[in-house]
N, C-alpha and C. Protein backbone atom coordinates (compact mmCIF):
# COMPACT_ATOMS: atom_id res chain seq x y z
N MET A 1 -6.31 12.31 9.32
CA MET A 1 -5.25 11.25 9.45
C MET A 1 -5.80 9.92 8.86
N ALA A 2 -5.03 9.32 8.00
CA ALA A 2 -5.46 8.09 7.36
C ALA A 2 -5.55 6.96 8.33
N ARG A 3 -6.53 6.13 8.16
CA ARG A 3 -6.69 4.92 8.98
C ARG A 3 -5.80 3.82 8.38
N PRO A 4 -5.40 2.83 9.16
CA PRO A 4 -4.54 1.75 8.60
C PRO A 4 -5.13 1.08 7.36
N GLU A 5 -6.42 0.90 7.31
CA GLU A 5 -7.04 0.23 6.14
C GLU A 5 -7.00 1.11 4.90
N GLU A 6 -6.61 2.36 5.03
CA GLU A 6 -6.45 3.23 3.88
C GLU A 6 -5.01 3.30 3.40
N MET A 7 -4.08 2.70 4.16
CA MET A 7 -2.67 2.68 3.82
C MET A 7 -2.35 1.31 3.22
N TYR A 8 -1.36 1.34 2.30
CA TYR A 8 -0.97 0.08 1.64
C TYR A 8 0.52 -0.13 1.78
N GLN A 9 0.93 -1.33 2.08
CA GLN A 9 2.34 -1.68 2.27
C GLN A 9 2.83 -2.56 1.14
N CYS A 10 4.03 -2.23 0.64
CA CYS A 10 4.67 -3.06 -0.40
C CYS A 10 5.07 -4.36 0.19
N GLN A 11 4.72 -5.47 -0.47
CA GLN A 11 4.94 -6.80 0.06
C GLN A 11 6.10 -7.54 -0.60
N THR A 12 7.11 -6.84 -1.07
CA THR A 12 8.31 -7.49 -1.60
C THR A 12 9.28 -7.75 -0.48
N ALA A 13 10.19 -8.65 -0.68
CA ALA A 13 11.20 -8.96 0.36
C ALA A 13 12.01 -7.70 0.63
N ASN A 14 12.23 -7.41 1.89
CA ASN A 14 13.10 -6.32 2.35
C ASN A 14 12.66 -4.91 1.97
N CYS A 15 11.43 -4.68 1.58
CA CYS A 15 11.05 -3.34 1.22
C CYS A 15 10.29 -2.65 2.40
N GLY A 16 9.00 -2.91 2.53
CA GLY A 16 8.24 -2.33 3.62
C GLY A 16 7.70 -0.94 3.39
N TYR A 17 7.88 -0.36 2.19
CA TYR A 17 7.38 0.97 1.94
C TYR A 17 5.85 1.00 2.16
N ILE A 18 5.36 2.05 2.83
CA ILE A 18 3.94 2.15 3.07
C ILE A 18 3.39 3.38 2.34
N TYR A 19 2.39 3.17 1.50
CA TYR A 19 1.73 4.24 0.83
C TYR A 19 0.68 4.87 1.78
N ASN A 20 0.84 6.11 2.11
CA ASN A 20 -0.13 6.81 2.98
C ASN A 20 -0.82 7.88 2.17
N PRO A 21 -2.14 7.82 2.01
CA PRO A 21 -2.83 8.78 1.19
C PRO A 21 -2.66 10.23 1.69
N ASP A 22 -2.48 10.40 2.99
CA ASP A 22 -2.24 11.76 3.54
C ASP A 22 -0.98 12.40 2.95
N ARG A 23 0.02 11.58 2.61
CA ARG A 23 1.26 12.06 2.07
C ARG A 23 1.36 11.97 0.58
N GLY A 24 0.66 11.00 -0.01
CA GLY A 24 0.83 10.77 -1.44
C GLY A 24 2.25 10.18 -1.67
N CYS A 25 2.74 10.41 -2.86
CA CYS A 25 4.10 9.96 -3.18
C CYS A 25 4.75 10.94 -4.16
N ARG A 26 5.48 11.93 -3.58
CA ARG A 26 6.05 12.99 -4.35
C ARG A 26 7.01 12.39 -5.43
N LYS A 27 7.77 11.36 -5.08
CA LYS A 27 8.71 10.79 -6.02
C LYS A 27 8.04 10.21 -7.26
N ARG A 28 6.79 9.73 -7.10
CA ARG A 28 6.05 9.13 -8.24
C ARG A 28 4.97 10.08 -8.78
N GLY A 29 4.93 11.28 -8.24
CA GLY A 29 3.96 12.28 -8.77
C GLY A 29 2.54 12.07 -8.34
N VAL A 30 2.33 11.41 -7.14
CA VAL A 30 0.99 11.21 -6.59
C VAL A 30 0.75 12.29 -5.53
N PRO A 31 -0.21 13.17 -5.77
CA PRO A 31 -0.46 14.27 -4.82
C PRO A 31 -0.96 13.80 -3.50
N LYS A 32 -0.75 14.61 -2.45
CA LYS A 32 -1.29 14.34 -1.11
C LYS A 32 -2.82 14.25 -1.22
N GLY A 33 -3.43 13.37 -0.44
CA GLY A 33 -4.85 13.19 -0.42
C GLY A 33 -5.41 12.21 -1.47
N THR A 34 -4.56 11.59 -2.22
CA THR A 34 -4.95 10.65 -3.24
C THR A 34 -5.22 9.24 -2.63
N PRO A 35 -6.49 8.77 -2.64
CA PRO A 35 -6.78 7.44 -2.14
C PRO A 35 -6.13 6.39 -3.01
N TRP A 36 -5.82 5.24 -2.41
CA TRP A 36 -5.15 4.18 -3.14
C TRP A 36 -5.88 3.78 -4.43
N GLU A 37 -7.20 3.77 -4.35
CA GLU A 37 -8.01 3.38 -5.51
C GLU A 37 -7.79 4.31 -6.69
N GLU A 38 -7.37 5.53 -6.44
CA GLU A 38 -7.17 6.50 -7.51
C GLU A 38 -5.69 6.59 -7.99
N VAL A 39 -4.81 5.83 -7.35
CA VAL A 39 -3.42 5.78 -7.78
C VAL A 39 -3.37 5.00 -9.07
N ALA A 40 -2.65 5.48 -10.05
CA ALA A 40 -2.59 4.81 -11.39
C ALA A 40 -2.15 3.40 -11.29
N GLU A 41 -2.65 2.53 -12.17
CA GLU A 41 -2.33 1.07 -12.18
C GLU A 41 -0.85 0.87 -12.50
N ASP A 42 -0.19 1.80 -13.14
CA ASP A 42 1.22 1.63 -13.47
C ASP A 42 2.16 2.19 -12.39
N PHE A 43 1.60 2.52 -11.19
CA PHE A 43 2.35 3.00 -10.03
C PHE A 43 3.43 1.97 -9.70
N ARG A 44 4.58 2.43 -9.35
CA ARG A 44 5.72 1.62 -8.93
C ARG A 44 6.19 2.09 -7.55
N CYS A 45 6.53 1.16 -6.74
CA CYS A 45 7.08 1.46 -5.38
C CYS A 45 8.34 2.37 -5.55
N PRO A 46 8.39 3.49 -4.86
CA PRO A 46 9.51 4.36 -4.93
C PRO A 46 10.81 3.81 -4.33
N VAL A 47 10.72 2.70 -3.58
CA VAL A 47 11.85 2.14 -2.90
C VAL A 47 12.42 0.98 -3.76
N CYS A 48 11.61 0.00 -4.13
CA CYS A 48 12.05 -1.18 -4.80
C CYS A 48 11.55 -1.30 -6.25
N GLY A 49 10.59 -0.48 -6.69
CA GLY A 49 10.11 -0.56 -8.05
C GLY A 49 9.00 -1.55 -8.32
N ALA A 50 8.53 -2.25 -7.26
CA ALA A 50 7.42 -3.20 -7.47
C ALA A 50 6.15 -2.52 -7.95
N GLY A 51 5.33 -3.25 -8.68
CA GLY A 51 4.12 -2.74 -9.22
C GLY A 51 3.01 -2.66 -8.13
N LYS A 52 1.93 -2.00 -8.50
CA LYS A 52 0.82 -1.78 -7.56
C LYS A 52 0.23 -3.11 -7.06
N LYS A 53 0.27 -4.16 -7.85
CA LYS A 53 -0.32 -5.42 -7.40
C LYS A 53 0.50 -6.07 -6.24
N MET A 54 1.67 -5.58 -5.98
CA MET A 54 2.49 -6.06 -4.86
C MET A 54 2.20 -5.38 -3.54
N PHE A 55 1.17 -4.52 -3.47
CA PHE A 55 0.80 -3.82 -2.27
C PHE A 55 -0.42 -4.44 -1.67
N ARG A 56 -0.46 -4.46 -0.33
CA ARG A 56 -1.63 -4.94 0.45
C ARG A 56 -2.02 -3.90 1.47
N PRO A 57 -3.30 -3.83 1.82
CA PRO A 57 -3.73 -2.93 2.86
C PRO A 57 -3.08 -3.30 4.20
N LEU A 58 -2.83 -2.31 5.05
CA LEU A 58 -2.27 -2.62 6.37
C LEU A 58 -3.27 -3.29 7.28
N ALA A 59 -4.57 -3.04 7.09
CA ALA A 59 -5.63 -3.60 7.94
C ALA A 59 -6.88 -3.83 7.13
N GLY A 60 -7.79 -4.63 7.68
CA GLY A 60 -9.07 -4.88 6.98
C GLY A 60 -8.97 -6.07 5.97
N PRO A 61 -10.05 -6.21 5.22
CA PRO A 61 -10.10 -7.28 4.27
C PRO A 61 -8.94 -7.29 3.27
N GLY A 62 -8.31 -8.43 3.04
CA GLY A 62 -7.23 -8.51 2.15
C GLY A 62 -5.89 -8.13 2.68
N SER A 63 -5.82 -7.73 3.93
CA SER A 63 -4.57 -7.32 4.54
C SER A 63 -3.73 -8.50 4.93
N VAL A 64 -2.47 -8.24 5.16
CA VAL A 64 -1.56 -9.30 5.57
C VAL A 64 -2.03 -9.90 6.92
N VAL A 65 -2.50 -9.04 7.83
CA VAL A 65 -2.99 -9.47 9.14
C VAL A 65 -4.22 -10.39 8.95
N ALA A 66 -5.15 -9.96 8.14
CA ALA A 66 -6.38 -10.76 7.87
C ALA A 66 -6.00 -12.08 7.27
N GLU A 67 -5.13 -12.10 6.26
CA GLU A 67 -4.72 -13.34 5.63
C GLU A 67 -4.06 -14.26 6.61
N GLY A 68 -3.26 -13.75 7.54
CA GLY A 68 -2.61 -14.54 8.53
C GLY A 68 -3.59 -15.20 9.51
N ARG A 69 -4.58 -14.46 9.91
CA ARG A 69 -5.63 -14.95 10.80
C ARG A 69 -6.49 -16.03 10.08
N ARG A 70 -6.75 -15.83 8.81
CA ARG A 70 -7.53 -16.79 8.08
C ARG A 70 -6.79 -18.15 7.95
N ALA A 71 -5.45 -18.03 7.72
CA ALA A 71 -4.61 -19.24 7.59
C ALA A 71 -4.51 -20.00 8.91
N ALA A 72 -4.55 -19.27 10.01
CA ALA A 72 -4.41 -19.90 11.32
C ALA A 72 -5.68 -20.65 11.75
N ASN A 73 -6.82 -20.22 11.16
CA ASN A 73 -8.11 -20.85 11.60
C ASN A 73 -8.40 -22.11 10.83
């Protein structure tokens, strides 16, 4: 089972799609078990079409939660 820091969430308004490496992304041809680092740079969100740069980890360094904590301090 993937840990939150291995999952990535699309950060566009009203999207919220989460890439889970355990599931991959059948719609975009990414097989199950593919870590985010191995997903092609031209990957697009299957919901809104945003590019890979619009995704952030759910937890850990660089995550939305970590960025929010840093801004609060």
